[in-house]
N, C-alpha and C. Protein backbone atom coordinates (compact mmCIF):
# COMPACT_ATOMS: atom_id res chain seq x y z
N UNK A 1 -14.22 54.49 -23.57
CA UNK A 1 -14.45 55.24 -24.77
C UNK A 1 -14.76 56.70 -24.39
N UNK A 2 -14.37 57.57 -25.29
CA UNK A 2 -14.69 58.99 -25.07
C UNK A 2 -15.11 59.61 -26.40
N UNK A 3 -15.82 60.63 -26.28
CA UNK A 3 -16.27 61.30 -27.51
C UNK A 3 -15.18 62.23 -28.00
N UNK A 4 -15.01 62.17 -29.31
CA UNK A 4 -14.02 63.06 -29.93
C UNK A 4 -14.62 64.44 -30.19
N UNK A 5 -13.89 65.26 -30.90
CA UNK A 5 -14.31 66.64 -31.17
C UNK A 5 -15.54 66.70 -32.06
N UNK A 6 -15.79 65.74 -32.93
CA UNK A 6 -16.90 65.80 -33.87
C UNK A 6 -18.07 64.93 -33.42
N UNK A 7 -18.07 64.45 -32.22
CA UNK A 7 -19.20 63.67 -31.72
C UNK A 7 -19.07 62.18 -31.95
N UNK A 8 -18.00 61.70 -32.48
CA UNK A 8 -17.84 60.25 -32.63
C UNK A 8 -17.03 59.71 -31.45
N UNK A 9 -17.18 58.44 -31.21
CA UNK A 9 -16.47 57.83 -30.08
C UNK A 9 -15.14 57.27 -30.55
N UNK A 10 -14.10 57.57 -29.81
CA UNK A 10 -12.78 57.01 -30.10
C UNK A 10 -12.62 55.72 -29.31
N UNK A 11 -12.13 54.67 -29.96
CA UNK A 11 -11.91 53.39 -29.30
C UNK A 11 -10.58 53.41 -28.61
N UNK A 12 -10.57 53.03 -27.32
CA UNK A 12 -9.32 52.96 -26.58
C UNK A 12 -9.07 51.52 -26.22
N UNK A 13 -7.86 51.04 -26.52
CA UNK A 13 -7.56 49.64 -26.21
C UNK A 13 -7.50 49.41 -24.70
N UNK A 14 -7.79 48.15 -24.29
CA UNK A 14 -7.74 47.78 -22.88
C UNK A 14 -8.91 46.89 -22.51
N UNK A 15 -8.94 46.49 -21.27
CA UNK A 15 -9.99 45.60 -20.79
C UNK A 15 -10.89 46.34 -19.82
N UNK A 16 -12.13 45.99 -19.83
CA UNK A 16 -13.06 46.57 -18.86
C UNK A 16 -12.90 45.83 -17.54
N UNK A 17 -13.42 46.44 -16.51
CA UNK A 17 -13.35 45.83 -15.19
C UNK A 17 -14.07 44.48 -15.16
N UNK A 18 -15.18 44.37 -15.88
CA UNK A 18 -15.93 43.11 -15.94
C UNK A 18 -15.10 42.01 -16.60
N UNK A 19 -14.41 42.34 -17.68
CA UNK A 19 -13.56 41.34 -18.36
C UNK A 19 -12.44 40.86 -17.46
N UNK A 20 -11.82 41.77 -16.72
CA UNK A 20 -10.73 41.40 -15.80
C UNK A 20 -11.27 40.52 -14.68
N UNK A 21 -12.45 40.83 -14.14
CA UNK A 21 -13.04 40.04 -13.06
C UNK A 21 -13.36 38.62 -13.54
N UNK A 22 -13.92 38.48 -14.75
CA UNK A 22 -14.24 37.16 -15.29
C UNK A 22 -12.95 36.36 -15.52
N UNK A 23 -11.92 37.00 -16.06
CA UNK A 23 -10.64 36.31 -16.31
C UNK A 23 -10.03 35.83 -15.00
N UNK A 24 -10.06 36.66 -13.96
CA UNK A 24 -9.52 36.25 -12.66
C UNK A 24 -10.32 35.11 -12.04
N UNK A 25 -11.64 35.13 -12.21
CA UNK A 25 -12.47 34.03 -11.69
C UNK A 25 -12.13 32.72 -12.39
N UNK A 26 -11.97 32.76 -13.70
CA UNK A 26 -11.61 31.55 -14.45
C UNK A 26 -10.22 31.07 -14.04
N UNK A 27 -9.27 31.99 -13.91
CA UNK A 27 -7.92 31.63 -13.48
C UNK A 27 -7.95 31.00 -12.09
N UNK A 28 -8.74 31.57 -11.19
CA UNK A 28 -8.87 31.01 -9.84
C UNK A 28 -9.42 29.59 -9.86
N UNK A 29 -10.44 29.34 -10.67
CA UNK A 29 -11.01 27.99 -10.76
C UNK A 29 -9.99 27.00 -11.31
N UNK A 30 -9.25 27.42 -12.32
CA UNK A 30 -8.23 26.54 -12.92
C UNK A 30 -7.14 26.22 -11.89
N UNK A 31 -6.67 27.23 -11.17
CA UNK A 31 -5.61 27.01 -10.18
C UNK A 31 -6.08 26.11 -9.04
N UNK A 32 -7.28 26.32 -8.55
CA UNK A 32 -7.81 25.47 -7.47
C UNK A 32 -7.93 24.03 -7.95
N UNK A 33 -8.44 23.83 -9.16
CA UNK A 33 -8.57 22.48 -9.71
C UNK A 33 -7.20 21.82 -9.86
N UNK A 34 -6.23 22.57 -10.37
CA UNK A 34 -4.88 22.01 -10.53
C UNK A 34 -4.28 21.63 -9.18
N UNK A 35 -4.48 22.46 -8.17
CA UNK A 35 -3.94 22.16 -6.84
C UNK A 35 -4.58 20.91 -6.26
N UNK A 36 -5.88 20.72 -6.47
CA UNK A 36 -6.56 19.52 -5.98
C UNK A 36 -6.05 18.27 -6.69
N UNK A 37 -5.84 18.37 -7.99
CA UNK A 37 -5.33 17.22 -8.74
C UNK A 37 -3.92 16.87 -8.28
N UNK A 38 -3.07 17.85 -8.11
CA UNK A 38 -1.70 17.61 -7.66
C UNK A 38 -1.70 17.05 -6.24
N UNK A 39 -2.53 17.60 -5.37
CA UNK A 39 -2.62 17.10 -3.99
C UNK A 39 -3.09 15.65 -3.96
N UNK A 40 -4.10 15.33 -4.77
CA UNK A 40 -4.59 13.95 -4.85
C UNK A 40 -3.52 13.01 -5.37
N UNK A 41 -2.75 13.46 -6.35
CA UNK A 41 -1.66 12.64 -6.89
C UNK A 41 -0.59 12.38 -5.85
N UNK A 42 -0.25 13.39 -5.06
CA UNK A 42 0.76 13.21 -4.01
C UNK A 42 0.27 12.26 -2.92
N UNK A 43 -1.01 12.36 -2.59
CA UNK A 43 -1.59 11.45 -1.59
C UNK A 43 -1.54 10.01 -2.09
N UNK A 44 -1.91 9.80 -3.34
CA UNK A 44 -1.86 8.45 -3.92
C UNK A 44 -0.43 7.93 -3.97
N UNK A 45 0.52 8.79 -4.29
CA UNK A 45 1.92 8.38 -4.34
C UNK A 45 2.41 7.97 -2.95
N UNK A 46 2.00 8.70 -1.93
CA UNK A 46 2.38 8.38 -0.55
C UNK A 46 1.81 7.02 -0.14
N UNK A 47 0.52 6.79 -0.45
CA UNK A 47 -0.10 5.51 -0.10
C UNK A 47 0.52 4.36 -0.88
N UNK A 48 0.79 4.57 -2.15
CA UNK A 48 1.43 3.53 -2.96
C UNK A 48 2.84 3.24 -2.47
N UNK A 49 3.55 4.26 -2.02
CA UNK A 49 4.89 4.06 -1.47
C UNK A 49 4.84 3.21 -0.20
N UNK A 50 3.88 3.50 0.68
CA UNK A 50 3.74 2.69 1.90
C UNK A 50 3.43 1.24 1.57
N UNK A 51 2.50 1.02 0.64
CA UNK A 51 2.15 -0.34 0.25
C UNK A 51 3.33 -1.03 -0.41
N UNK A 52 4.06 -0.32 -1.24
CA UNK A 52 5.24 -0.90 -1.88
C UNK A 52 6.29 -1.34 -0.87
N UNK A 53 6.54 -0.49 0.13
CA UNK A 53 7.51 -0.87 1.18
C UNK A 53 7.01 -2.09 1.97
N UNK A 54 5.71 -2.15 2.22
CA UNK A 54 5.16 -3.30 2.95
C UNK A 54 5.30 -4.58 2.13
N UNK A 55 5.06 -4.49 0.82
CA UNK A 55 5.18 -5.67 -0.05
C UNK A 55 6.62 -6.16 -0.07
N UNK A 56 7.57 -5.24 -0.21
CA UNK A 56 8.99 -5.62 -0.23
C UNK A 56 9.39 -6.26 1.10
N UNK A 57 8.95 -5.67 2.22
CA UNK A 57 9.30 -6.22 3.55
C UNK A 57 8.68 -7.61 3.73
N UNK A 58 7.40 -7.76 3.35
CA UNK A 58 6.73 -9.06 3.50
C UNK A 58 7.42 -10.11 2.63
N UNK A 59 7.77 -9.75 1.42
CA UNK A 59 8.43 -10.70 0.51
C UNK A 59 9.79 -11.11 1.07
N UNK A 60 10.54 -10.17 1.63
CA UNK A 60 11.85 -10.50 2.21
C UNK A 60 11.69 -11.44 3.40
N UNK A 61 10.70 -11.18 4.25
CA UNK A 61 10.47 -12.05 5.41
C UNK A 61 10.02 -13.44 4.97
N UNK A 62 9.17 -13.52 3.95
CA UNK A 62 8.72 -14.82 3.44
C UNK A 62 9.89 -15.56 2.78
N UNK A 63 10.74 -14.85 2.05
CA UNK A 63 11.90 -15.49 1.43
C UNK A 63 12.82 -16.10 2.48
N UNK A 64 12.97 -15.44 3.62
CA UNK A 64 13.78 -16.00 4.71
C UNK A 64 13.18 -17.32 5.19
N UNK A 65 11.85 -17.35 5.35
CA UNK A 65 11.19 -18.58 5.79
C UNK A 65 11.34 -19.69 4.74
N UNK A 66 11.25 -19.33 3.48
CA UNK A 66 11.32 -20.34 2.42
C UNK A 66 12.72 -20.92 2.26
N UNK A 67 13.75 -20.20 2.71
CA UNK A 67 15.12 -20.69 2.52
C UNK A 67 15.74 -21.26 3.79
N UNK A 68 15.07 -21.13 4.93
CA UNK A 68 15.60 -21.72 6.17
C UNK A 68 15.60 -23.24 6.06
N UNK A 69 16.66 -23.87 6.56
CA UNK A 69 16.75 -25.32 6.50
C UNK A 69 15.80 -25.98 7.49
N UNK A 70 15.75 -25.46 8.69
CA UNK A 70 14.87 -26.04 9.71
C UNK A 70 13.86 -24.98 10.16
N UNK A 71 12.60 -25.29 9.97
CA UNK A 71 11.54 -24.38 10.42
C UNK A 71 10.92 -24.93 11.69
N UNK A 72 10.81 -24.10 12.68
CA UNK A 72 10.16 -24.49 13.92
C UNK A 72 8.86 -23.70 14.05
N UNK A 73 7.83 -24.38 14.58
CA UNK A 73 6.54 -23.73 14.78
C UNK A 73 6.69 -22.58 15.76
N UNK A 74 5.95 -21.52 15.51
CA UNK A 74 5.97 -20.39 16.43
C UNK A 74 5.61 -19.10 15.73
N UNK A 75 5.54 -18.05 16.54
CA UNK A 75 5.23 -16.70 16.05
C UNK A 75 6.40 -15.80 16.41
N UNK A 76 6.84 -15.03 15.44
CA UNK A 76 7.94 -14.09 15.64
C UNK A 76 7.44 -12.72 15.22
N UNK A 77 7.69 -11.71 16.05
CA UNK A 77 7.25 -10.35 15.76
C UNK A 77 8.42 -9.39 15.79
N UNK A 78 8.29 -8.30 15.07
CA UNK A 78 9.35 -7.30 15.07
C UNK A 78 8.91 -6.04 14.37
N UNK A 79 9.85 -5.13 14.23
CA UNK A 79 9.61 -3.87 13.54
C UNK A 79 10.92 -3.38 12.97
N UNK A 80 10.85 -2.31 12.20
CA UNK A 80 12.05 -1.80 11.57
C UNK A 80 12.44 -0.40 12.07
N UNK A 81 11.94 -0.02 13.24
CA UNK A 81 12.28 1.28 13.80
C UNK A 81 11.33 2.39 13.38
N UNK A 82 10.52 2.15 12.37
CA UNK A 82 9.50 3.12 11.97
C UNK A 82 8.16 2.61 12.48
N UNK A 83 7.08 3.03 11.89
CA UNK A 83 5.76 2.55 12.32
C UNK A 83 5.39 1.22 11.66
N UNK A 84 6.32 0.60 10.93
CA UNK A 84 6.05 -0.68 10.27
C UNK A 84 6.36 -1.81 11.24
N UNK A 85 5.37 -2.69 11.43
CA UNK A 85 5.52 -3.86 12.30
C UNK A 85 5.24 -5.10 11.47
N UNK A 86 5.82 -6.23 11.88
CA UNK A 86 5.58 -7.47 11.15
C UNK A 86 5.44 -8.64 12.10
N UNK A 87 4.79 -9.69 11.60
CA UNK A 87 4.61 -10.92 12.38
C UNK A 87 4.73 -12.10 11.41
N UNK A 88 5.57 -13.07 11.79
CA UNK A 88 5.71 -14.31 11.00
C UNK A 88 5.18 -15.47 11.83
N UNK A 89 4.34 -16.28 11.19
CA UNK A 89 3.75 -17.44 11.85
C UNK A 89 4.12 -18.69 11.08
N UNK A 90 4.62 -19.70 11.81
CA UNK A 90 4.91 -21.01 11.23
C UNK A 90 4.17 -22.03 12.07
N UNK A 91 3.39 -22.90 11.41
CA UNK A 91 2.69 -23.96 12.13
C UNK A 91 2.45 -25.11 11.18
N UNK A 92 2.11 -26.25 11.75
CA UNK A 92 1.76 -27.40 10.92
C UNK A 92 0.48 -27.08 10.15
N UNK A 93 0.46 -27.42 8.89
CA UNK A 93 -0.72 -27.16 8.06
C UNK A 93 -1.86 -28.03 8.52
N UNK A 94 -3.03 -27.43 8.62
CA UNK A 94 -4.22 -28.17 9.02
C UNK A 94 -4.92 -28.76 7.80
N UNK A 95 -6.01 -29.45 8.03
CA UNK A 95 -6.74 -30.06 6.92
C UNK A 95 -7.23 -29.04 5.88
N UNK A 96 -7.56 -27.84 6.33
CA UNK A 96 -8.02 -26.82 5.38
C UNK A 96 -6.92 -26.36 4.43
N UNK A 97 -5.66 -26.57 4.81
CA UNK A 97 -4.53 -26.21 3.95
C UNK A 97 -3.96 -27.42 3.21
N UNK A 98 -4.49 -28.59 3.46
CA UNK A 98 -3.98 -29.79 2.78
C UNK A 98 -3.15 -30.70 3.66
N UNK A 99 -2.99 -30.35 4.91
CA UNK A 99 -2.23 -31.19 5.84
C UNK A 99 -3.13 -32.24 6.47
N UNK A 100 -2.53 -33.11 7.24
CA UNK A 100 -3.29 -34.14 7.94
C UNK A 100 -3.44 -33.73 9.40
N UNK A 101 -4.56 -34.16 10.02
CA UNK A 101 -4.80 -33.77 11.42
C UNK A 101 -3.81 -34.43 12.37
N UNK A 102 -3.58 -35.72 12.19
CA UNK A 102 -2.55 -36.39 12.99
C UNK A 102 -1.97 -37.54 12.17
N UNK A 103 -0.79 -37.99 12.58
CA UNK A 103 -0.07 -39.02 11.82
C UNK A 103 -0.73 -40.38 11.89
N UNK A 104 -1.70 -40.57 12.77
CA UNK A 104 -2.34 -41.88 12.90
C UNK A 104 -3.17 -42.21 11.65
N UNK A 105 -3.52 -41.19 10.86
CA UNK A 105 -4.26 -41.44 9.63
C UNK A 105 -3.37 -42.11 8.58
N UNK A 106 -2.07 -41.92 8.70
CA UNK A 106 -1.15 -42.46 7.71
C UNK A 106 -0.75 -43.89 8.07
N UNK A 107 -0.45 -44.70 7.05
CA UNK A 107 -0.04 -46.09 7.28
C UNK A 107 1.46 -46.20 7.40
N UNK A 108 2.17 -45.09 7.41
CA UNK A 108 3.63 -45.10 7.50
C UNK A 108 4.07 -43.89 8.31
N UNK A 109 5.31 -43.91 8.74
CA UNK A 109 5.91 -42.81 9.50
C UNK A 109 6.37 -41.75 8.51
N UNK A 110 5.82 -40.57 8.58
CA UNK A 110 6.18 -39.51 7.64
C UNK A 110 7.49 -38.85 8.06
N UNK A 111 8.38 -38.69 7.09
CA UNK A 111 9.65 -38.01 7.35
C UNK A 111 9.52 -36.50 7.14
N UNK A 112 8.52 -36.11 6.38
CA UNK A 112 8.32 -34.70 6.08
C UNK A 112 6.90 -34.30 6.48
N UNK A 113 6.74 -33.00 6.64
CA UNK A 113 5.40 -32.50 6.96
C UNK A 113 5.16 -31.18 6.22
N UNK A 114 3.90 -30.86 6.06
CA UNK A 114 3.51 -29.63 5.40
C UNK A 114 3.33 -28.55 6.47
N UNK A 115 4.00 -27.41 6.25
CA UNK A 115 3.90 -26.30 7.20
C UNK A 115 3.22 -25.11 6.53
N UNK A 116 2.42 -24.42 7.31
CA UNK A 116 1.73 -23.21 6.89
C UNK A 116 2.58 -22.02 7.32
N UNK A 117 2.88 -21.13 6.38
CA UNK A 117 3.70 -19.94 6.65
C UNK A 117 2.85 -18.69 6.40
N UNK A 118 2.92 -17.75 7.29
CA UNK A 118 2.17 -16.51 7.12
C UNK A 118 3.03 -15.34 7.57
N UNK A 119 3.06 -14.29 6.77
CA UNK A 119 3.75 -13.04 7.10
C UNK A 119 2.73 -11.92 7.01
N UNK A 120 2.62 -11.14 8.08
CA UNK A 120 1.72 -9.99 8.10
C UNK A 120 2.56 -8.74 8.39
N UNK A 121 2.48 -7.76 7.51
CA UNK A 121 3.15 -6.47 7.71
C UNK A 121 2.07 -5.44 7.95
N UNK A 122 2.21 -4.65 9.02
CA UNK A 122 1.20 -3.65 9.38
C UNK A 122 1.86 -2.28 9.52
N UNK A 123 1.11 -1.25 9.15
CA UNK A 123 1.57 0.12 9.29
C UNK A 123 0.35 1.01 9.48
N UNK A 124 0.60 2.21 9.97
CA UNK A 124 -0.48 3.16 10.21
C UNK A 124 -0.45 4.21 9.10
N UNK A 125 -1.63 4.49 8.55
CA UNK A 125 -1.73 5.46 7.46
C UNK A 125 -2.94 6.35 7.70
N UNK A 126 -2.68 7.58 8.08
CA UNK A 126 -3.78 8.50 8.34
C UNK A 126 -4.63 8.08 9.53
N UNK A 127 -4.01 7.47 10.52
CA UNK A 127 -4.74 7.03 11.70
C UNK A 127 -5.47 5.71 11.52
N UNK A 128 -5.32 5.08 10.35
CA UNK A 128 -5.97 3.80 10.07
C UNK A 128 -4.90 2.72 9.96
N UNK A 129 -5.14 1.59 10.60
CA UNK A 129 -4.21 0.46 10.55
C UNK A 129 -4.37 -0.28 9.21
N UNK A 130 -3.28 -0.39 8.47
CA UNK A 130 -3.28 -1.11 7.20
C UNK A 130 -2.41 -2.35 7.35
N UNK A 131 -2.76 -3.43 6.64
CA UNK A 131 -1.96 -4.65 6.69
C UNK A 131 -1.80 -5.23 5.29
N UNK A 132 -0.70 -5.95 5.13
CA UNK A 132 -0.44 -6.71 3.91
C UNK A 132 -0.03 -8.10 4.37
N UNK A 133 -0.67 -9.15 3.83
CA UNK A 133 -0.46 -10.52 4.29
C UNK A 133 -0.01 -11.41 3.14
N UNK A 134 1.00 -12.23 3.42
CA UNK A 134 1.44 -13.29 2.50
C UNK A 134 1.28 -14.62 3.20
N UNK A 135 0.79 -15.62 2.47
CA UNK A 135 0.65 -16.97 3.02
C UNK A 135 1.24 -17.95 2.02
N UNK A 136 1.82 -19.02 2.55
CA UNK A 136 2.38 -20.05 1.69
C UNK A 136 2.42 -21.37 2.45
N UNK A 137 2.71 -22.43 1.72
CA UNK A 137 2.91 -23.75 2.30
C UNK A 137 4.30 -24.24 1.91
N UNK A 138 4.89 -25.05 2.79
CA UNK A 138 6.22 -25.57 2.50
C UNK A 138 6.35 -26.96 3.13
N UNK A 139 6.96 -27.85 2.37
CA UNK A 139 7.26 -29.18 2.89
C UNK A 139 8.61 -29.09 3.59
N UNK A 140 8.65 -29.55 4.85
CA UNK A 140 9.88 -29.50 5.63
C UNK A 140 10.11 -30.86 6.30
N UNK A 141 11.35 -31.13 6.67
CA UNK A 141 11.62 -32.37 7.41
C UNK A 141 10.90 -32.36 8.76
N UNK A 142 10.46 -33.52 9.17
CA UNK A 142 9.81 -33.67 10.46
C UNK A 142 10.85 -33.51 11.54
N UNK A 143 10.69 -32.54 12.42
CA UNK A 143 11.66 -32.30 13.49
C UNK A 143 11.23 -33.07 14.72
N UNK A 144 12.23 -33.53 15.45
CA UNK A 144 11.95 -34.28 16.69
C UNK A 144 11.69 -33.34 17.82
């Protein structure tokens, strides 16, 4: 503002330095908050993507076990060329899974047996080992 010829003040449009500083501070806070929200969203998307890939891989490996005609006891391990590793375990189901400890408990010769199937998919995320596990039971023919 400046004084005119007759002693009155003329109003000049514009912003004061204080108003500009407050506006920039508010804009800075809004931008920082938005960047944190976007960064958090991208991090969650990355983690969800890793978990989704692990679920799909574990399901595919379990589906292979469920459709095989002859299952043999053992552990099989592998990877897909990235940091994703997997392990499939097939064994006779124990009493805790509903199987019998030995055939001597039965009064007949069993033609089928209950097998315990487990698939574990592991990957590294931010230096921390993550795993996804699937377990199932399947009745299979008794192999000689």
